[in-house]
Structure formats: C-alpha cells, structure tokens
Amino acid sequence: MKVLIISSSPRKGGNSELLARAFAQGLQQNGHVVTMISAGHMKINGCLACEQCYAEPDAPCVQKDDFWKIYPMLLAADMVVLVSPLYFFNMTTQLKAVIDRMYAFCRGHQTMPLAGKKSVLLMTGASSDLKDFLPAIDSYKLTADYLKWQDKGVFIASDVWKKDDILESGWLEQVLAFGQSL
C-alpha cells in the first residue's frame, strides 16, 4: 500500500513529527511504501472560493503554490494520514489549508478522484481531556466521509506539550503498533 503522511506542525522535530515517524515505521515494517511530507513547512494558501477548479487542463486549482507538490501524491496514495498537534481545539491552519484545497478534487466531478482511499488521523496535544480533541476529530470524520475515504482510525497522544515530551510517554510504542496493525 502507498501511504501519504501529511504532517502539519510548524515545529520541526516536535511531538507530532515524532508520532508520524513512529507510525510510518510501523507501516514500513509491514512492507508499505510511505511518503511523509511536512505541510507545516510548505507554502499552501487556503481556498479562494474562486470556483476556477479545473479551469486549466489537468489542474485542480489555479493557485500556484506548494499544494502542487502534494497533488500527485494524493492521487497516487492508497492511504492518507493527517497529522496535527492540537491548536485551539482543532487541527493546525497548515493542515486545514491542505484539506480546504481538496475541494478542487470534488468540484465538477461525477466521481470523486480521491474516493476509496483509506485514512487515519494522528494528533498530539497538551490537554489530558480528550473532549478538547473532539472538534478536530469531527472535522476529520466529516472530511473522510465527504471524500468517501475509509476511516481506519484516530490516534490521540494527549498530555504532551514541550518538545520531546512524547519520548517518555509510551505513545510512540502504541502508534508504532497501530501502524503495524494496518
């Protein structure tokens, strides 16, 4: 299986990135091919609502930014993994921009080009109250449902705040096992 992991933390080497790498390792141990990108370090604009999707042949969006690096990877992937730290009860702005730009894959199509893919949400956050993650989880589940993705699960690593807190938490071993299970 070809897996695209879209990590979105702007903090390099932070808890979310470490979580994503452990998950990728678990997938790779089962022979899956994993590509990991960092949307948190890319220039991806939000959707402009210009309704010019597919105005250019073979181009889902008229904006010329780093989304073009993700576009072919999204099409080729069998599974899309969204990774984000919890930012004010939701995903990062960087990940939300990627998700919003997926609108172009939906507009003007009889079938959804991204339909049938598997998906996973991985999150980290300082909060120990899992209800704080619910808005992000709801957003992910609605997105997966709309895009006709097969949700394979949500993994929340709570109680991690400072960089490297996740190293001593036990979450990395658990997410590695989650990756191995897929």
N, C-alpha and C. Protein backbone atom coordinates (compact mmCIF):
# COMPACT_ATOMS: atom_id res chain seq x y z
N MET A 1 0.84 -1.17 0.00
CA MET A 1 0.00 0.00 0.00
C MET A 1 0.90 1.24 0.00
N LYS A 2 0.52 2.25 -0.80
CA LYS A 2 1.22 3.53 -0.82
C LYS A 2 0.54 4.45 0.17
N VAL A 3 1.32 4.96 1.12
CA VAL A 3 0.77 5.78 2.19
C VAL A 3 1.39 7.18 2.13
N LEU A 4 0.53 8.19 2.14
CA LEU A 4 0.98 9.57 2.20
C LEU A 4 0.68 10.11 3.59
N ILE A 5 1.71 10.49 4.32
CA ILE A 5 1.55 11.07 5.65
C ILE A 5 1.78 12.58 5.51
N ILE A 6 0.74 13.35 5.86
CA ILE A 6 0.82 14.81 5.80
C ILE A 6 0.90 15.32 7.23
N SER A 7 2.11 15.66 7.64
CA SER A 7 2.35 16.21 8.96
C SER A 7 2.20 17.73 8.86
N SER A 8 1.71 18.37 9.91
CA SER A 8 1.39 19.79 9.75
C SER A 8 1.94 20.70 10.84
N SER A 9 2.72 20.19 11.73
CA SER A 9 3.24 21.05 12.79
C SER A 9 4.30 21.99 12.24
N PRO A 10 4.25 23.27 12.61
CA PRO A 10 5.32 24.16 12.20
C PRO A 10 6.59 23.97 13.03
N ARG A 11 6.52 23.17 14.11
CA ARG A 11 7.68 22.94 14.97
C ARG A 11 8.44 21.72 14.45
N LYS A 12 9.65 21.95 13.96
CA LYS A 12 10.47 20.86 13.43
C LYS A 12 10.89 19.92 14.55
N GLY A 13 10.75 18.61 14.29
CA GLY A 13 11.17 17.61 15.26
C GLY A 13 10.32 17.57 16.51
N GLY A 14 9.12 18.11 16.43
CA GLY A 14 8.24 18.15 17.59
C GLY A 14 7.50 16.84 17.82
N ASN A 15 6.61 16.84 18.77
CA ASN A 15 5.89 15.64 19.17
C ASN A 15 5.07 15.03 18.03
N SER A 16 4.42 15.87 17.23
CA SER A 16 3.62 15.37 16.11
C SER A 16 4.48 14.70 15.06
N GLU A 17 5.61 15.30 14.77
CA GLU A 17 6.52 14.71 13.78
C GLU A 17 7.05 13.37 14.28
N LEU A 18 7.40 13.29 15.55
CA LEU A 18 7.88 12.03 16.12
C LEU A 18 6.79 10.97 16.09
N LEU A 19 5.54 11.37 16.35
CA LEU A 19 4.41 10.45 16.29
C LEU A 19 4.24 9.93 14.86
N ALA A 20 4.31 10.83 13.89
CA ALA A 20 4.17 10.45 12.48
C ALA A 20 5.28 9.49 12.06
N ARG A 21 6.50 9.75 12.50
CA ARG A 21 7.63 8.88 12.12
C ARG A 21 7.48 7.46 12.72
N ALA A 22 7.01 7.40 13.95
CA ALA A 22 6.80 6.08 14.58
C ALA A 22 5.69 5.32 13.85
N PHE A 23 4.62 6.01 13.49
CA PHE A 23 3.53 5.38 12.74
C PHE A 23 4.05 4.89 11.39
N ALA A 24 4.85 5.72 10.71
CA ALA A 24 5.43 5.34 9.42
C ALA A 24 6.31 4.10 9.56
N GLN A 25 7.07 4.04 10.63
CA GLN A 25 7.93 2.88 10.87
C GLN A 25 7.09 1.60 10.99
N GLY A 26 5.99 1.69 11.71
CA GLY A 26 5.11 0.53 11.84
C GLY A 26 4.55 0.09 10.50
N LEU A 27 4.16 1.05 9.67
CA LEU A 27 3.66 0.73 8.33
C LEU A 27 4.74 0.09 7.47
N GLN A 28 5.94 0.66 7.52
CA GLN A 28 7.05 0.17 6.71
C GLN A 28 7.45 -1.25 7.12
N GLN A 29 7.30 -1.58 8.39
CA GLN A 29 7.63 -2.93 8.84
C GLN A 29 6.71 -3.97 8.20
N ASN A 30 5.55 -3.53 7.72
CA ASN A 30 4.62 -4.43 7.02
C ASN A 30 4.77 -4.32 5.51
N GLY A 31 5.80 -3.64 5.04
CA GLY A 31 6.07 -3.56 3.62
C GLY A 31 5.36 -2.44 2.88
N HIS A 32 4.67 -1.57 3.60
CA HIS A 32 4.00 -0.44 2.94
C HIS A 32 5.03 0.61 2.55
N VAL A 33 4.78 1.30 1.45
CA VAL A 33 5.64 2.37 0.97
C VAL A 33 5.09 3.67 1.52
N VAL A 34 5.91 4.38 2.29
CA VAL A 34 5.45 5.58 2.98
C VAL A 34 6.18 6.82 2.46
N THR A 35 5.41 7.84 2.15
CA THR A 35 5.94 9.15 1.82
C THR A 35 5.43 10.10 2.89
N MET A 36 6.35 10.84 3.50
CA MET A 36 5.96 11.78 4.55
C MET A 36 6.34 13.19 4.12
N ILE A 37 5.38 14.09 4.19
CA ILE A 37 5.64 15.48 3.86
C ILE A 37 5.26 16.36 5.04
N SER A 38 5.83 17.53 5.09
CA SER A 38 5.55 18.45 6.18
C SER A 38 4.83 19.69 5.64
N ALA A 39 3.52 19.67 5.69
CA ALA A 39 2.73 20.83 5.26
C ALA A 39 3.00 22.03 6.16
N GLY A 40 3.47 21.77 7.36
CA GLY A 40 3.79 22.85 8.28
C GLY A 40 4.96 23.71 7.84
N HIS A 41 5.70 23.22 6.84
CA HIS A 41 6.85 23.94 6.33
C HIS A 41 6.72 24.24 4.84
N MET A 42 5.49 24.19 4.35
CA MET A 42 5.22 24.47 2.95
C MET A 42 4.37 25.73 2.84
N LYS A 43 4.35 26.31 1.68
CA LYS A 43 3.52 27.49 1.40
C LYS A 43 2.26 26.99 0.68
N ILE A 44 1.20 26.81 1.44
CA ILE A 44 -0.07 26.36 0.88
C ILE A 44 -1.15 27.36 1.29
N ASN A 45 -1.69 28.02 0.30
CA ASN A 45 -2.74 29.00 0.56
C ASN A 45 -4.07 28.30 0.80
N GLY A 46 -4.95 28.98 1.47
CA GLY A 46 -6.30 28.48 1.63
C GLY A 46 -7.08 28.61 0.33
N CYS A 47 -8.21 27.94 0.26
CA CYS A 47 -9.09 28.02 -0.90
C CYS A 47 -9.59 29.45 -1.05
N LEU A 48 -9.62 29.94 -2.28
CA LEU A 48 -10.07 31.30 -2.56
C LEU A 48 -11.57 31.36 -2.90
N ALA A 49 -12.22 30.22 -3.02
CA ALA A 49 -13.62 30.16 -3.43
C ALA A 49 -13.82 30.85 -4.77
N CYS A 50 -12.83 30.75 -5.64
CA CYS A 50 -12.90 31.39 -6.96
C CYS A 50 -13.69 30.55 -7.96
N GLU A 51 -13.93 29.28 -7.60
CA GLU A 51 -14.69 28.35 -8.45
C GLU A 51 -14.01 28.12 -9.80
N GLN A 52 -12.71 28.29 -9.85
CA GLN A 52 -11.97 28.05 -11.09
C GLN A 52 -11.32 26.66 -11.11
N CYS A 53 -11.77 25.78 -10.23
CA CYS A 53 -11.24 24.42 -10.18
C CYS A 53 -11.29 23.81 -11.59
N TYR A 54 -10.19 23.24 -12.00
CA TYR A 54 -10.05 22.59 -13.30
C TYR A 54 -10.26 23.55 -14.47
N ALA A 55 -10.01 24.83 -14.26
CA ALA A 55 -10.06 25.80 -15.36
C ALA A 55 -8.92 25.53 -16.35
N GLU A 56 -7.82 25.03 -15.82
CA GLU A 56 -6.69 24.65 -16.66
C GLU A 56 -6.75 23.14 -16.85
N PRO A 57 -6.41 22.64 -18.03
CA PRO A 57 -6.43 21.18 -18.25
C PRO A 57 -5.54 20.46 -17.24
N ASP A 58 -6.07 19.43 -16.65
CA ASP A 58 -5.35 18.59 -15.69
C ASP A 58 -4.86 19.33 -14.45
N ALA A 59 -5.44 20.48 -14.16
CA ALA A 59 -5.03 21.24 -12.98
C ALA A 59 -6.24 21.44 -12.07
N PRO A 60 -6.18 20.90 -10.85
CA PRO A 60 -7.34 21.02 -9.99
C PRO A 60 -7.53 22.40 -9.37
N CYS A 61 -6.49 23.24 -9.40
CA CYS A 61 -6.59 24.54 -8.74
C CYS A 61 -5.71 25.54 -9.47
N VAL A 62 -6.21 26.75 -9.61
CA VAL A 62 -5.46 27.77 -10.34
C VAL A 62 -4.32 28.38 -9.52
N GLN A 63 -4.33 28.20 -8.21
CA GLN A 63 -3.25 28.75 -7.39
C GLN A 63 -1.95 27.98 -7.63
N LYS A 64 -0.88 28.71 -7.68
CA LYS A 64 0.45 28.11 -7.90
C LYS A 64 1.25 28.21 -6.62
N ASP A 65 1.12 27.18 -5.78
CA ASP A 65 1.86 27.15 -4.52
C ASP A 65 2.30 25.72 -4.26
N ASP A 66 2.69 25.42 -3.06
CA ASP A 66 3.22 24.09 -2.75
C ASP A 66 2.16 22.98 -2.74
N PHE A 67 0.90 23.32 -2.87
CA PHE A 67 -0.12 22.28 -2.99
C PHE A 67 0.17 21.40 -4.20
N TRP A 68 0.82 21.97 -5.21
CA TRP A 68 1.15 21.19 -6.41
C TRP A 68 2.12 20.05 -6.12
N LYS A 69 2.87 20.16 -5.05
CA LYS A 69 3.76 19.07 -4.66
C LYS A 69 2.95 17.92 -4.06
N ILE A 70 1.86 18.26 -3.39
CA ILE A 70 1.02 17.27 -2.72
C ILE A 70 0.03 16.62 -3.69
N TYR A 71 -0.45 17.39 -4.64
CA TYR A 71 -1.48 16.93 -5.58
C TYR A 71 -1.23 15.55 -6.17
N PRO A 72 -0.07 15.29 -6.83
CA PRO A 72 0.12 13.96 -7.40
C PRO A 72 0.26 12.87 -6.33
N MET A 73 0.77 13.24 -5.17
CA MET A 73 0.91 12.26 -4.09
C MET A 73 -0.46 11.85 -3.56
N LEU A 74 -1.38 12.80 -3.47
CA LEU A 74 -2.74 12.48 -3.03
C LEU A 74 -3.41 11.51 -4.00
N LEU A 75 -3.25 11.76 -5.29
CA LEU A 75 -3.85 10.89 -6.29
C LEU A 75 -3.26 9.48 -6.25
N ALA A 76 -1.95 9.38 -6.02
CA ALA A 76 -1.26 8.08 -6.05
C ALA A 76 -1.43 7.27 -4.77
N ALA A 77 -1.75 7.92 -3.67
CA ALA A 77 -1.81 7.25 -2.37
C ALA A 77 -3.01 6.32 -2.25
N ASP A 78 -2.78 5.21 -1.55
CA ASP A 78 -3.88 4.31 -1.16
C ASP A 78 -4.42 4.70 0.20
N MET A 79 -3.57 5.34 1.00
CA MET A 79 -3.96 5.81 2.33
C MET A 79 -3.39 7.21 2.55
N VAL A 80 -4.22 8.06 3.15
CA VAL A 80 -3.79 9.41 3.52
C VAL A 80 -3.87 9.52 5.04
N VAL A 81 -2.75 9.91 5.64
CA VAL A 81 -2.66 10.06 7.09
C VAL A 81 -2.47 11.54 7.39
N LEU A 82 -3.39 12.10 8.15
CA LEU A 82 -3.33 13.51 8.54
C LEU A 82 -2.78 13.58 9.95
N VAL A 83 -1.77 14.43 10.15
CA VAL A 83 -1.09 14.52 11.45
C VAL A 83 -1.06 15.98 11.89
N SER A 84 -1.50 16.22 13.13
CA SER A 84 -1.54 17.59 13.61
C SER A 84 -1.43 17.65 15.13
N PRO A 85 -0.75 18.68 15.63
CA PRO A 85 -0.90 18.97 17.05
C PRO A 85 -2.25 19.66 17.25
N LEU A 86 -2.75 19.64 18.44
CA LEU A 86 -3.99 20.31 18.77
C LEU A 86 -3.71 21.80 18.93
N TYR A 87 -4.33 22.61 18.10
CA TYR A 87 -4.19 24.06 18.16
C TYR A 87 -5.57 24.65 18.40
N PHE A 88 -5.80 25.12 19.59
CA PHE A 88 -7.05 25.76 19.97
C PHE A 88 -8.25 24.91 19.56
N PHE A 89 -8.24 23.65 20.00
CA PHE A 89 -9.32 22.69 19.82
C PHE A 89 -9.47 22.19 18.38
N ASN A 90 -8.46 22.36 17.55
CA ASN A 90 -8.59 21.90 16.17
C ASN A 90 -7.23 21.56 15.58
N MET A 91 -7.24 21.26 14.27
CA MET A 91 -6.02 20.99 13.53
C MET A 91 -5.29 22.31 13.29
N THR A 92 -4.04 22.20 12.85
CA THR A 92 -3.29 23.40 12.51
C THR A 92 -3.89 24.07 11.28
N THR A 93 -3.63 25.34 11.14
CA THR A 93 -4.03 26.08 9.95
C THR A 93 -3.40 25.47 8.71
N GLN A 94 -2.17 25.00 8.84
CA GLN A 94 -1.46 24.43 7.70
C GLN A 94 -2.18 23.18 7.17
N LEU A 95 -2.66 22.33 8.06
CA LEU A 95 -3.38 21.13 7.63
C LEU A 95 -4.76 21.50 7.10
N LYS A 96 -5.40 22.45 7.73
CA LYS A 96 -6.72 22.88 7.27
C LYS A 96 -6.64 23.45 5.86
N ALA A 97 -5.55 24.15 5.52
CA ALA A 97 -5.37 24.68 4.16
C ALA A 97 -5.29 23.53 3.16
N VAL A 98 -4.57 22.48 3.49
CA VAL A 98 -4.48 21.31 2.60
C VAL A 98 -5.87 20.70 2.40
N ILE A 99 -6.58 20.52 3.49
CA ILE A 99 -7.92 19.92 3.41
C ILE A 99 -8.85 20.82 2.58
N ASP A 100 -8.82 22.12 2.82
CA ASP A 100 -9.68 23.03 2.06
C ASP A 100 -9.38 22.98 0.57
N ARG A 101 -8.12 22.83 0.22
CA ARG A 101 -7.75 22.78 -1.19
C ARG A 101 -8.18 21.48 -1.86
N MET A 102 -8.49 20.46 -1.08
CA MET A 102 -9.01 19.22 -1.66
C MET A 102 -10.39 19.43 -2.27
N TYR A 103 -11.01 20.57 -1.98
CA TYR A 103 -12.30 20.91 -2.60
C TYR A 103 -12.22 20.81 -4.11
N ALA A 104 -11.08 21.19 -4.66
CA ALA A 104 -10.91 21.15 -6.12
C ALA A 104 -11.06 19.75 -6.68
N PHE A 105 -10.79 18.74 -5.89
CA PHE A 105 -10.96 17.36 -6.35
C PHE A 105 -12.43 16.96 -6.41
N CYS A 106 -13.28 17.73 -5.77
CA CYS A 106 -14.70 17.40 -5.67
C CYS A 106 -15.54 18.14 -6.69
N ARG A 107 -15.13 19.32 -7.05
CA ARG A 107 -15.94 20.19 -7.90
C ARG A 107 -15.92 19.73 -9.35
N GLY A 108 -17.07 19.59 -9.93
CA GLY A 108 -17.18 19.28 -11.35
C GLY A 108 -16.92 17.83 -11.71
N HIS A 109 -16.98 16.94 -10.73
CA HIS A 109 -16.71 15.53 -10.99
C HIS A 109 -17.95 14.70 -10.71
N GLN A 110 -18.20 13.74 -11.56
CA GLN A 110 -19.25 12.77 -11.29
C GLN A 110 -18.80 11.84 -10.17
N THR A 111 -17.53 11.49 -10.20
CA THR A 111 -16.95 10.66 -9.14
C THR A 111 -15.84 11.47 -8.47
N MET A 112 -15.57 11.13 -7.25
CA MET A 112 -14.52 11.83 -6.51
C MET A 112 -13.18 11.16 -6.80
N PRO A 113 -12.19 11.91 -7.33
CA PRO A 113 -10.89 11.30 -7.63
C PRO A 113 -10.18 10.72 -6.42
N LEU A 114 -10.49 11.22 -5.24
CA LEU A 114 -9.82 10.73 -4.03
C LEU A 114 -10.63 9.65 -3.31
N ALA A 115 -11.77 9.28 -3.85
CA ALA A 115 -12.65 8.30 -3.19
C ALA A 115 -11.97 6.94 -3.09
N GLY A 116 -12.34 6.22 -2.02
CA GLY A 116 -11.86 4.86 -1.83
C GLY A 116 -10.54 4.74 -1.10
N LYS A 117 -9.91 5.85 -0.81
CA LYS A 117 -8.65 5.79 -0.07
C LYS A 117 -8.93 5.50 1.39
N LYS A 118 -7.96 4.91 2.04
CA LYS A 118 -8.03 4.72 3.49
C LYS A 118 -7.49 6.00 4.14
N SER A 119 -7.89 6.24 5.38
CA SER A 119 -7.39 7.45 6.05
C SER A 119 -7.25 7.21 7.55
N VAL A 120 -6.37 8.02 8.14
CA VAL A 120 -6.09 7.97 9.58
C VAL A 120 -5.83 9.40 10.03
N LEU A 121 -6.21 9.71 11.26
CA LEU A 121 -5.86 10.97 11.89
C LEU A 121 -4.98 10.67 13.09
N LEU A 122 -3.82 11.33 13.17
CA LEU A 122 -2.92 11.25 14.31
C LEU A 122 -2.81 12.66 14.90
N MET A 123 -2.97 12.76 16.22
CA MET A 123 -2.86 14.07 16.86
C MET A 123 -2.08 14.00 18.16
N THR A 124 -1.45 15.11 18.49
CA THR A 124 -0.81 15.28 19.79
C THR A 124 -1.39 16.53 20.43
N GLY A 125 -1.28 16.60 21.74
CA GLY A 125 -1.75 17.80 22.41
C GLY A 125 -1.41 17.79 23.89
N ALA A 126 -1.34 18.97 24.45
CA ALA A 126 -1.01 19.11 25.86
C ALA A 126 -2.17 18.71 26.76
N SER A 127 -3.36 18.79 26.24
CA SER A 127 -4.55 18.52 27.06
C SER A 127 -4.63 17.05 27.46
N SER A 128 -5.12 16.83 28.66
CA SER A 128 -5.40 15.47 29.11
C SER A 128 -6.88 15.15 28.95
N ASP A 129 -7.68 16.14 28.57
CA ASP A 129 -9.11 15.97 28.40
C ASP A 129 -9.40 15.67 26.92
N LEU A 130 -9.77 14.46 26.62
CA LEU A 130 -9.97 14.06 25.23
C LEU A 130 -11.09 14.83 24.55
N LYS A 131 -12.01 15.42 25.32
CA LYS A 131 -13.07 16.20 24.68
C LYS A 131 -12.51 17.44 23.98
N ASP A 132 -11.33 17.88 24.38
CA ASP A 132 -10.70 19.02 23.71
C ASP A 132 -10.32 18.69 22.27
N PHE A 133 -10.17 17.42 21.94
CA PHE A 133 -9.81 16.98 20.60
C PHE A 133 -11.04 16.77 19.70
N LEU A 134 -12.23 16.77 20.28
CA LEU A 134 -13.44 16.42 19.53
C LEU A 134 -13.69 17.30 18.30
N PRO A 135 -13.50 18.62 18.35
CA PRO A 135 -13.72 19.40 17.12
C PRO A 135 -12.82 18.95 15.97
N ALA A 136 -11.57 18.64 16.25
CA ALA A 136 -10.64 18.18 15.21
C ALA A 136 -11.06 16.80 14.70
N ILE A 137 -11.44 15.93 15.61
CA ILE A 137 -11.87 14.58 15.21
C ILE A 137 -13.12 14.67 14.35
N ASP A 138 -14.07 15.50 14.76
CA ASP A 138 -15.30 15.68 13.97
C ASP A 138 -14.99 16.20 12.57
N SER A 139 -14.09 17.18 12.49
CA SER A 139 -13.70 17.73 11.20
C SER A 139 -13.08 16.65 10.31
N TYR A 140 -12.18 15.86 10.89
CA TYR A 140 -11.56 14.77 10.15
C TYR A 140 -12.62 13.78 9.66
N LYS A 141 -13.51 13.35 10.54
CA LYS A 141 -14.51 12.34 10.17
C LYS A 141 -15.46 12.86 9.09
N LEU A 142 -15.86 14.12 9.19
CA LEU A 142 -16.72 14.71 8.15
C LEU A 142 -15.98 14.78 6.81
N THR A 143 -14.71 15.17 6.86
CA THR A 143 -13.90 15.23 5.64
C THR A 143 -13.76 13.85 5.02
N ALA A 144 -13.42 12.86 5.84
CA ALA A 144 -13.26 11.49 5.33
C ALA A 144 -14.57 10.99 4.73
N ASP A 145 -15.66 11.24 5.38
CA ASP A 145 -16.96 10.81 4.87
C ASP A 145 -17.28 11.50 3.54
N TYR A 146 -17.07 12.80 3.47
CA TYR A 146 -17.37 13.55 2.25
C TYR A 146 -16.52 13.08 1.08
N LEU A 147 -15.23 12.82 1.34
CA LEU A 147 -14.32 12.38 0.28
C LEU A 147 -14.46 10.88 -0.02
N LYS A 148 -15.33 10.22 0.73
CA LYS A 148 -15.57 8.78 0.57
C LYS A 148 -14.31 7.96 0.87
N TRP A 149 -13.64 8.37 1.96
CA TRP A 149 -12.47 7.65 2.45
C TRP A 149 -12.93 6.60 3.46
N GLN A 150 -12.12 5.56 3.60
CA GLN A 150 -12.37 4.52 4.61
C GLN A 150 -11.55 4.88 5.85
N ASP A 151 -12.23 5.40 6.86
CA ASP A 151 -11.56 5.80 8.09
C ASP A 151 -11.02 4.56 8.80
N LYS A 152 -9.72 4.53 9.00
CA LYS A 152 -9.07 3.40 9.67
C LYS A 152 -8.71 3.71 11.12
N GLY A 153 -9.05 4.92 11.57
CA GLY A 153 -8.85 5.20 12.98
C GLY A 153 -8.28 6.56 13.29
N VAL A 154 -8.42 6.90 14.55
CA VAL A 154 -7.91 8.15 15.10
C VAL A 154 -7.02 7.78 16.28
N PHE A 155 -5.85 8.38 16.34
CA PHE A 155 -4.92 8.13 17.43
C PHE A 155 -4.58 9.46 18.08
N ILE A 156 -4.88 9.58 19.36
CA ILE A 156 -4.63 10.81 20.11
C ILE A 156 -3.54 10.56 21.15
N ALA A 157 -2.48 11.34 21.07
CA ALA A 157 -1.41 11.31 22.08
C ALA A 157 -1.59 12.55 22.94
N SER A 158 -2.22 12.38 24.07
CA SER A 158 -2.51 13.51 24.96
C SER A 158 -1.38 13.71 25.96
N ASP A 159 -1.46 14.81 26.69
CA ASP A 159 -0.51 15.13 27.75
C ASP A 159 0.92 15.30 27.26
N VAL A 160 1.10 15.78 26.03
CA VAL A 160 2.44 16.08 25.53
C VAL A 160 2.45 17.54 25.10
N TRP A 161 3.29 18.31 25.72
CA TRP A 161 3.31 19.74 25.48
C TRP A 161 4.67 20.18 24.95
N LYS A 162 5.69 20.06 25.80
CA LYS A 162 7.02 20.51 25.41
C LYS A 162 7.62 19.55 24.39
N LYS A 163 8.49 20.10 23.57
CA LYS A 163 9.18 19.29 22.58
C LYS A 163 9.84 18.10 23.27
N ASP A 164 9.64 16.93 22.72
CA ASP A 164 10.19 15.66 23.20
C ASP A 164 9.43 15.06 24.38
N ASP A 165 8.35 15.69 24.85
CA ASP A 165 7.54 15.07 25.90
C ASP A 165 7.06 13.68 25.50
N ILE A 166 6.85 13.50 24.21
CA ILE A 166 6.30 12.24 23.72
C ILE A 166 7.29 11.08 23.87
N LEU A 167 8.57 11.39 23.99
CA LEU A 167 9.59 10.34 24.06
C LEU A 167 9.44 9.44 25.29
N GLU A 168 8.95 9.98 26.38
CA GLU A 168 8.82 9.22 27.62
C GLU A 168 7.37 8.87 27.95
N SER A 169 6.47 9.04 27.00
CA SER A 169 5.04 8.91 27.28
C SER A 169 4.46 7.52 27.01
N GLY A 170 5.13 6.73 26.20
CA GLY A 170 4.59 5.44 25.77
C GLY A 170 3.76 5.53 24.49
N TRP A 171 3.47 6.76 24.04
CA TRP A 171 2.65 6.93 22.84
C TRP A 171 3.35 6.42 21.58
N LEU A 172 4.66 6.57 21.50
CA LEU A 172 5.37 6.16 20.28
C LEU A 172 5.28 4.65 20.06
N GLU A 173 5.38 3.90 21.14
CA GLU A 173 5.26 2.45 21.03
C GLU A 173 3.83 2.06 20.62
N GLN A 174 2.86 2.78 21.15
CA GLN A 174 1.46 2.48 20.81
C GLN A 174 1.14 2.82 19.36
N VAL A 175 1.65 3.97 18.87
CA VAL A 175 1.36 4.33 17.49
C VAL A 175 2.14 3.45 16.51
N LEU A 176 3.32 2.99 16.90
CA LEU A 176 4.06 2.03 16.10
C LEU A 176 3.23 0.76 15.92
N ALA A 177 2.65 0.28 16.99
CA ALA A 177 1.78 -0.92 16.93
C ALA A 177 0.56 -0.66 16.07
N PHE A 178 0.00 0.54 16.15
CA PHE A 178 -1.15 0.90 15.32
C PHE A 178 -0.75 0.82 13.85
N GLY A 179 0.41 1.38 13.51
CA GLY A 179 0.91 1.30 12.14
C GLY A 179 1.13 -0.13 11.68
N GLN A 180 1.65 -0.96 12.58
CA GLN A 180 1.88 -2.37 12.23
C GLN A 180 0.56 -3.11 12.00
N SER A 181 -0.52 -2.63 12.63
CA SER A 181 -1.80 -3.33 12.52
C SER A 181 -2.52 -3.07 11.20
N LEU A 182 -2.04 -2.12 10.43
CA LEU A 182 -2.73 -1.77 9.18
C LEU A 182 -2.11 -2.45 7.97
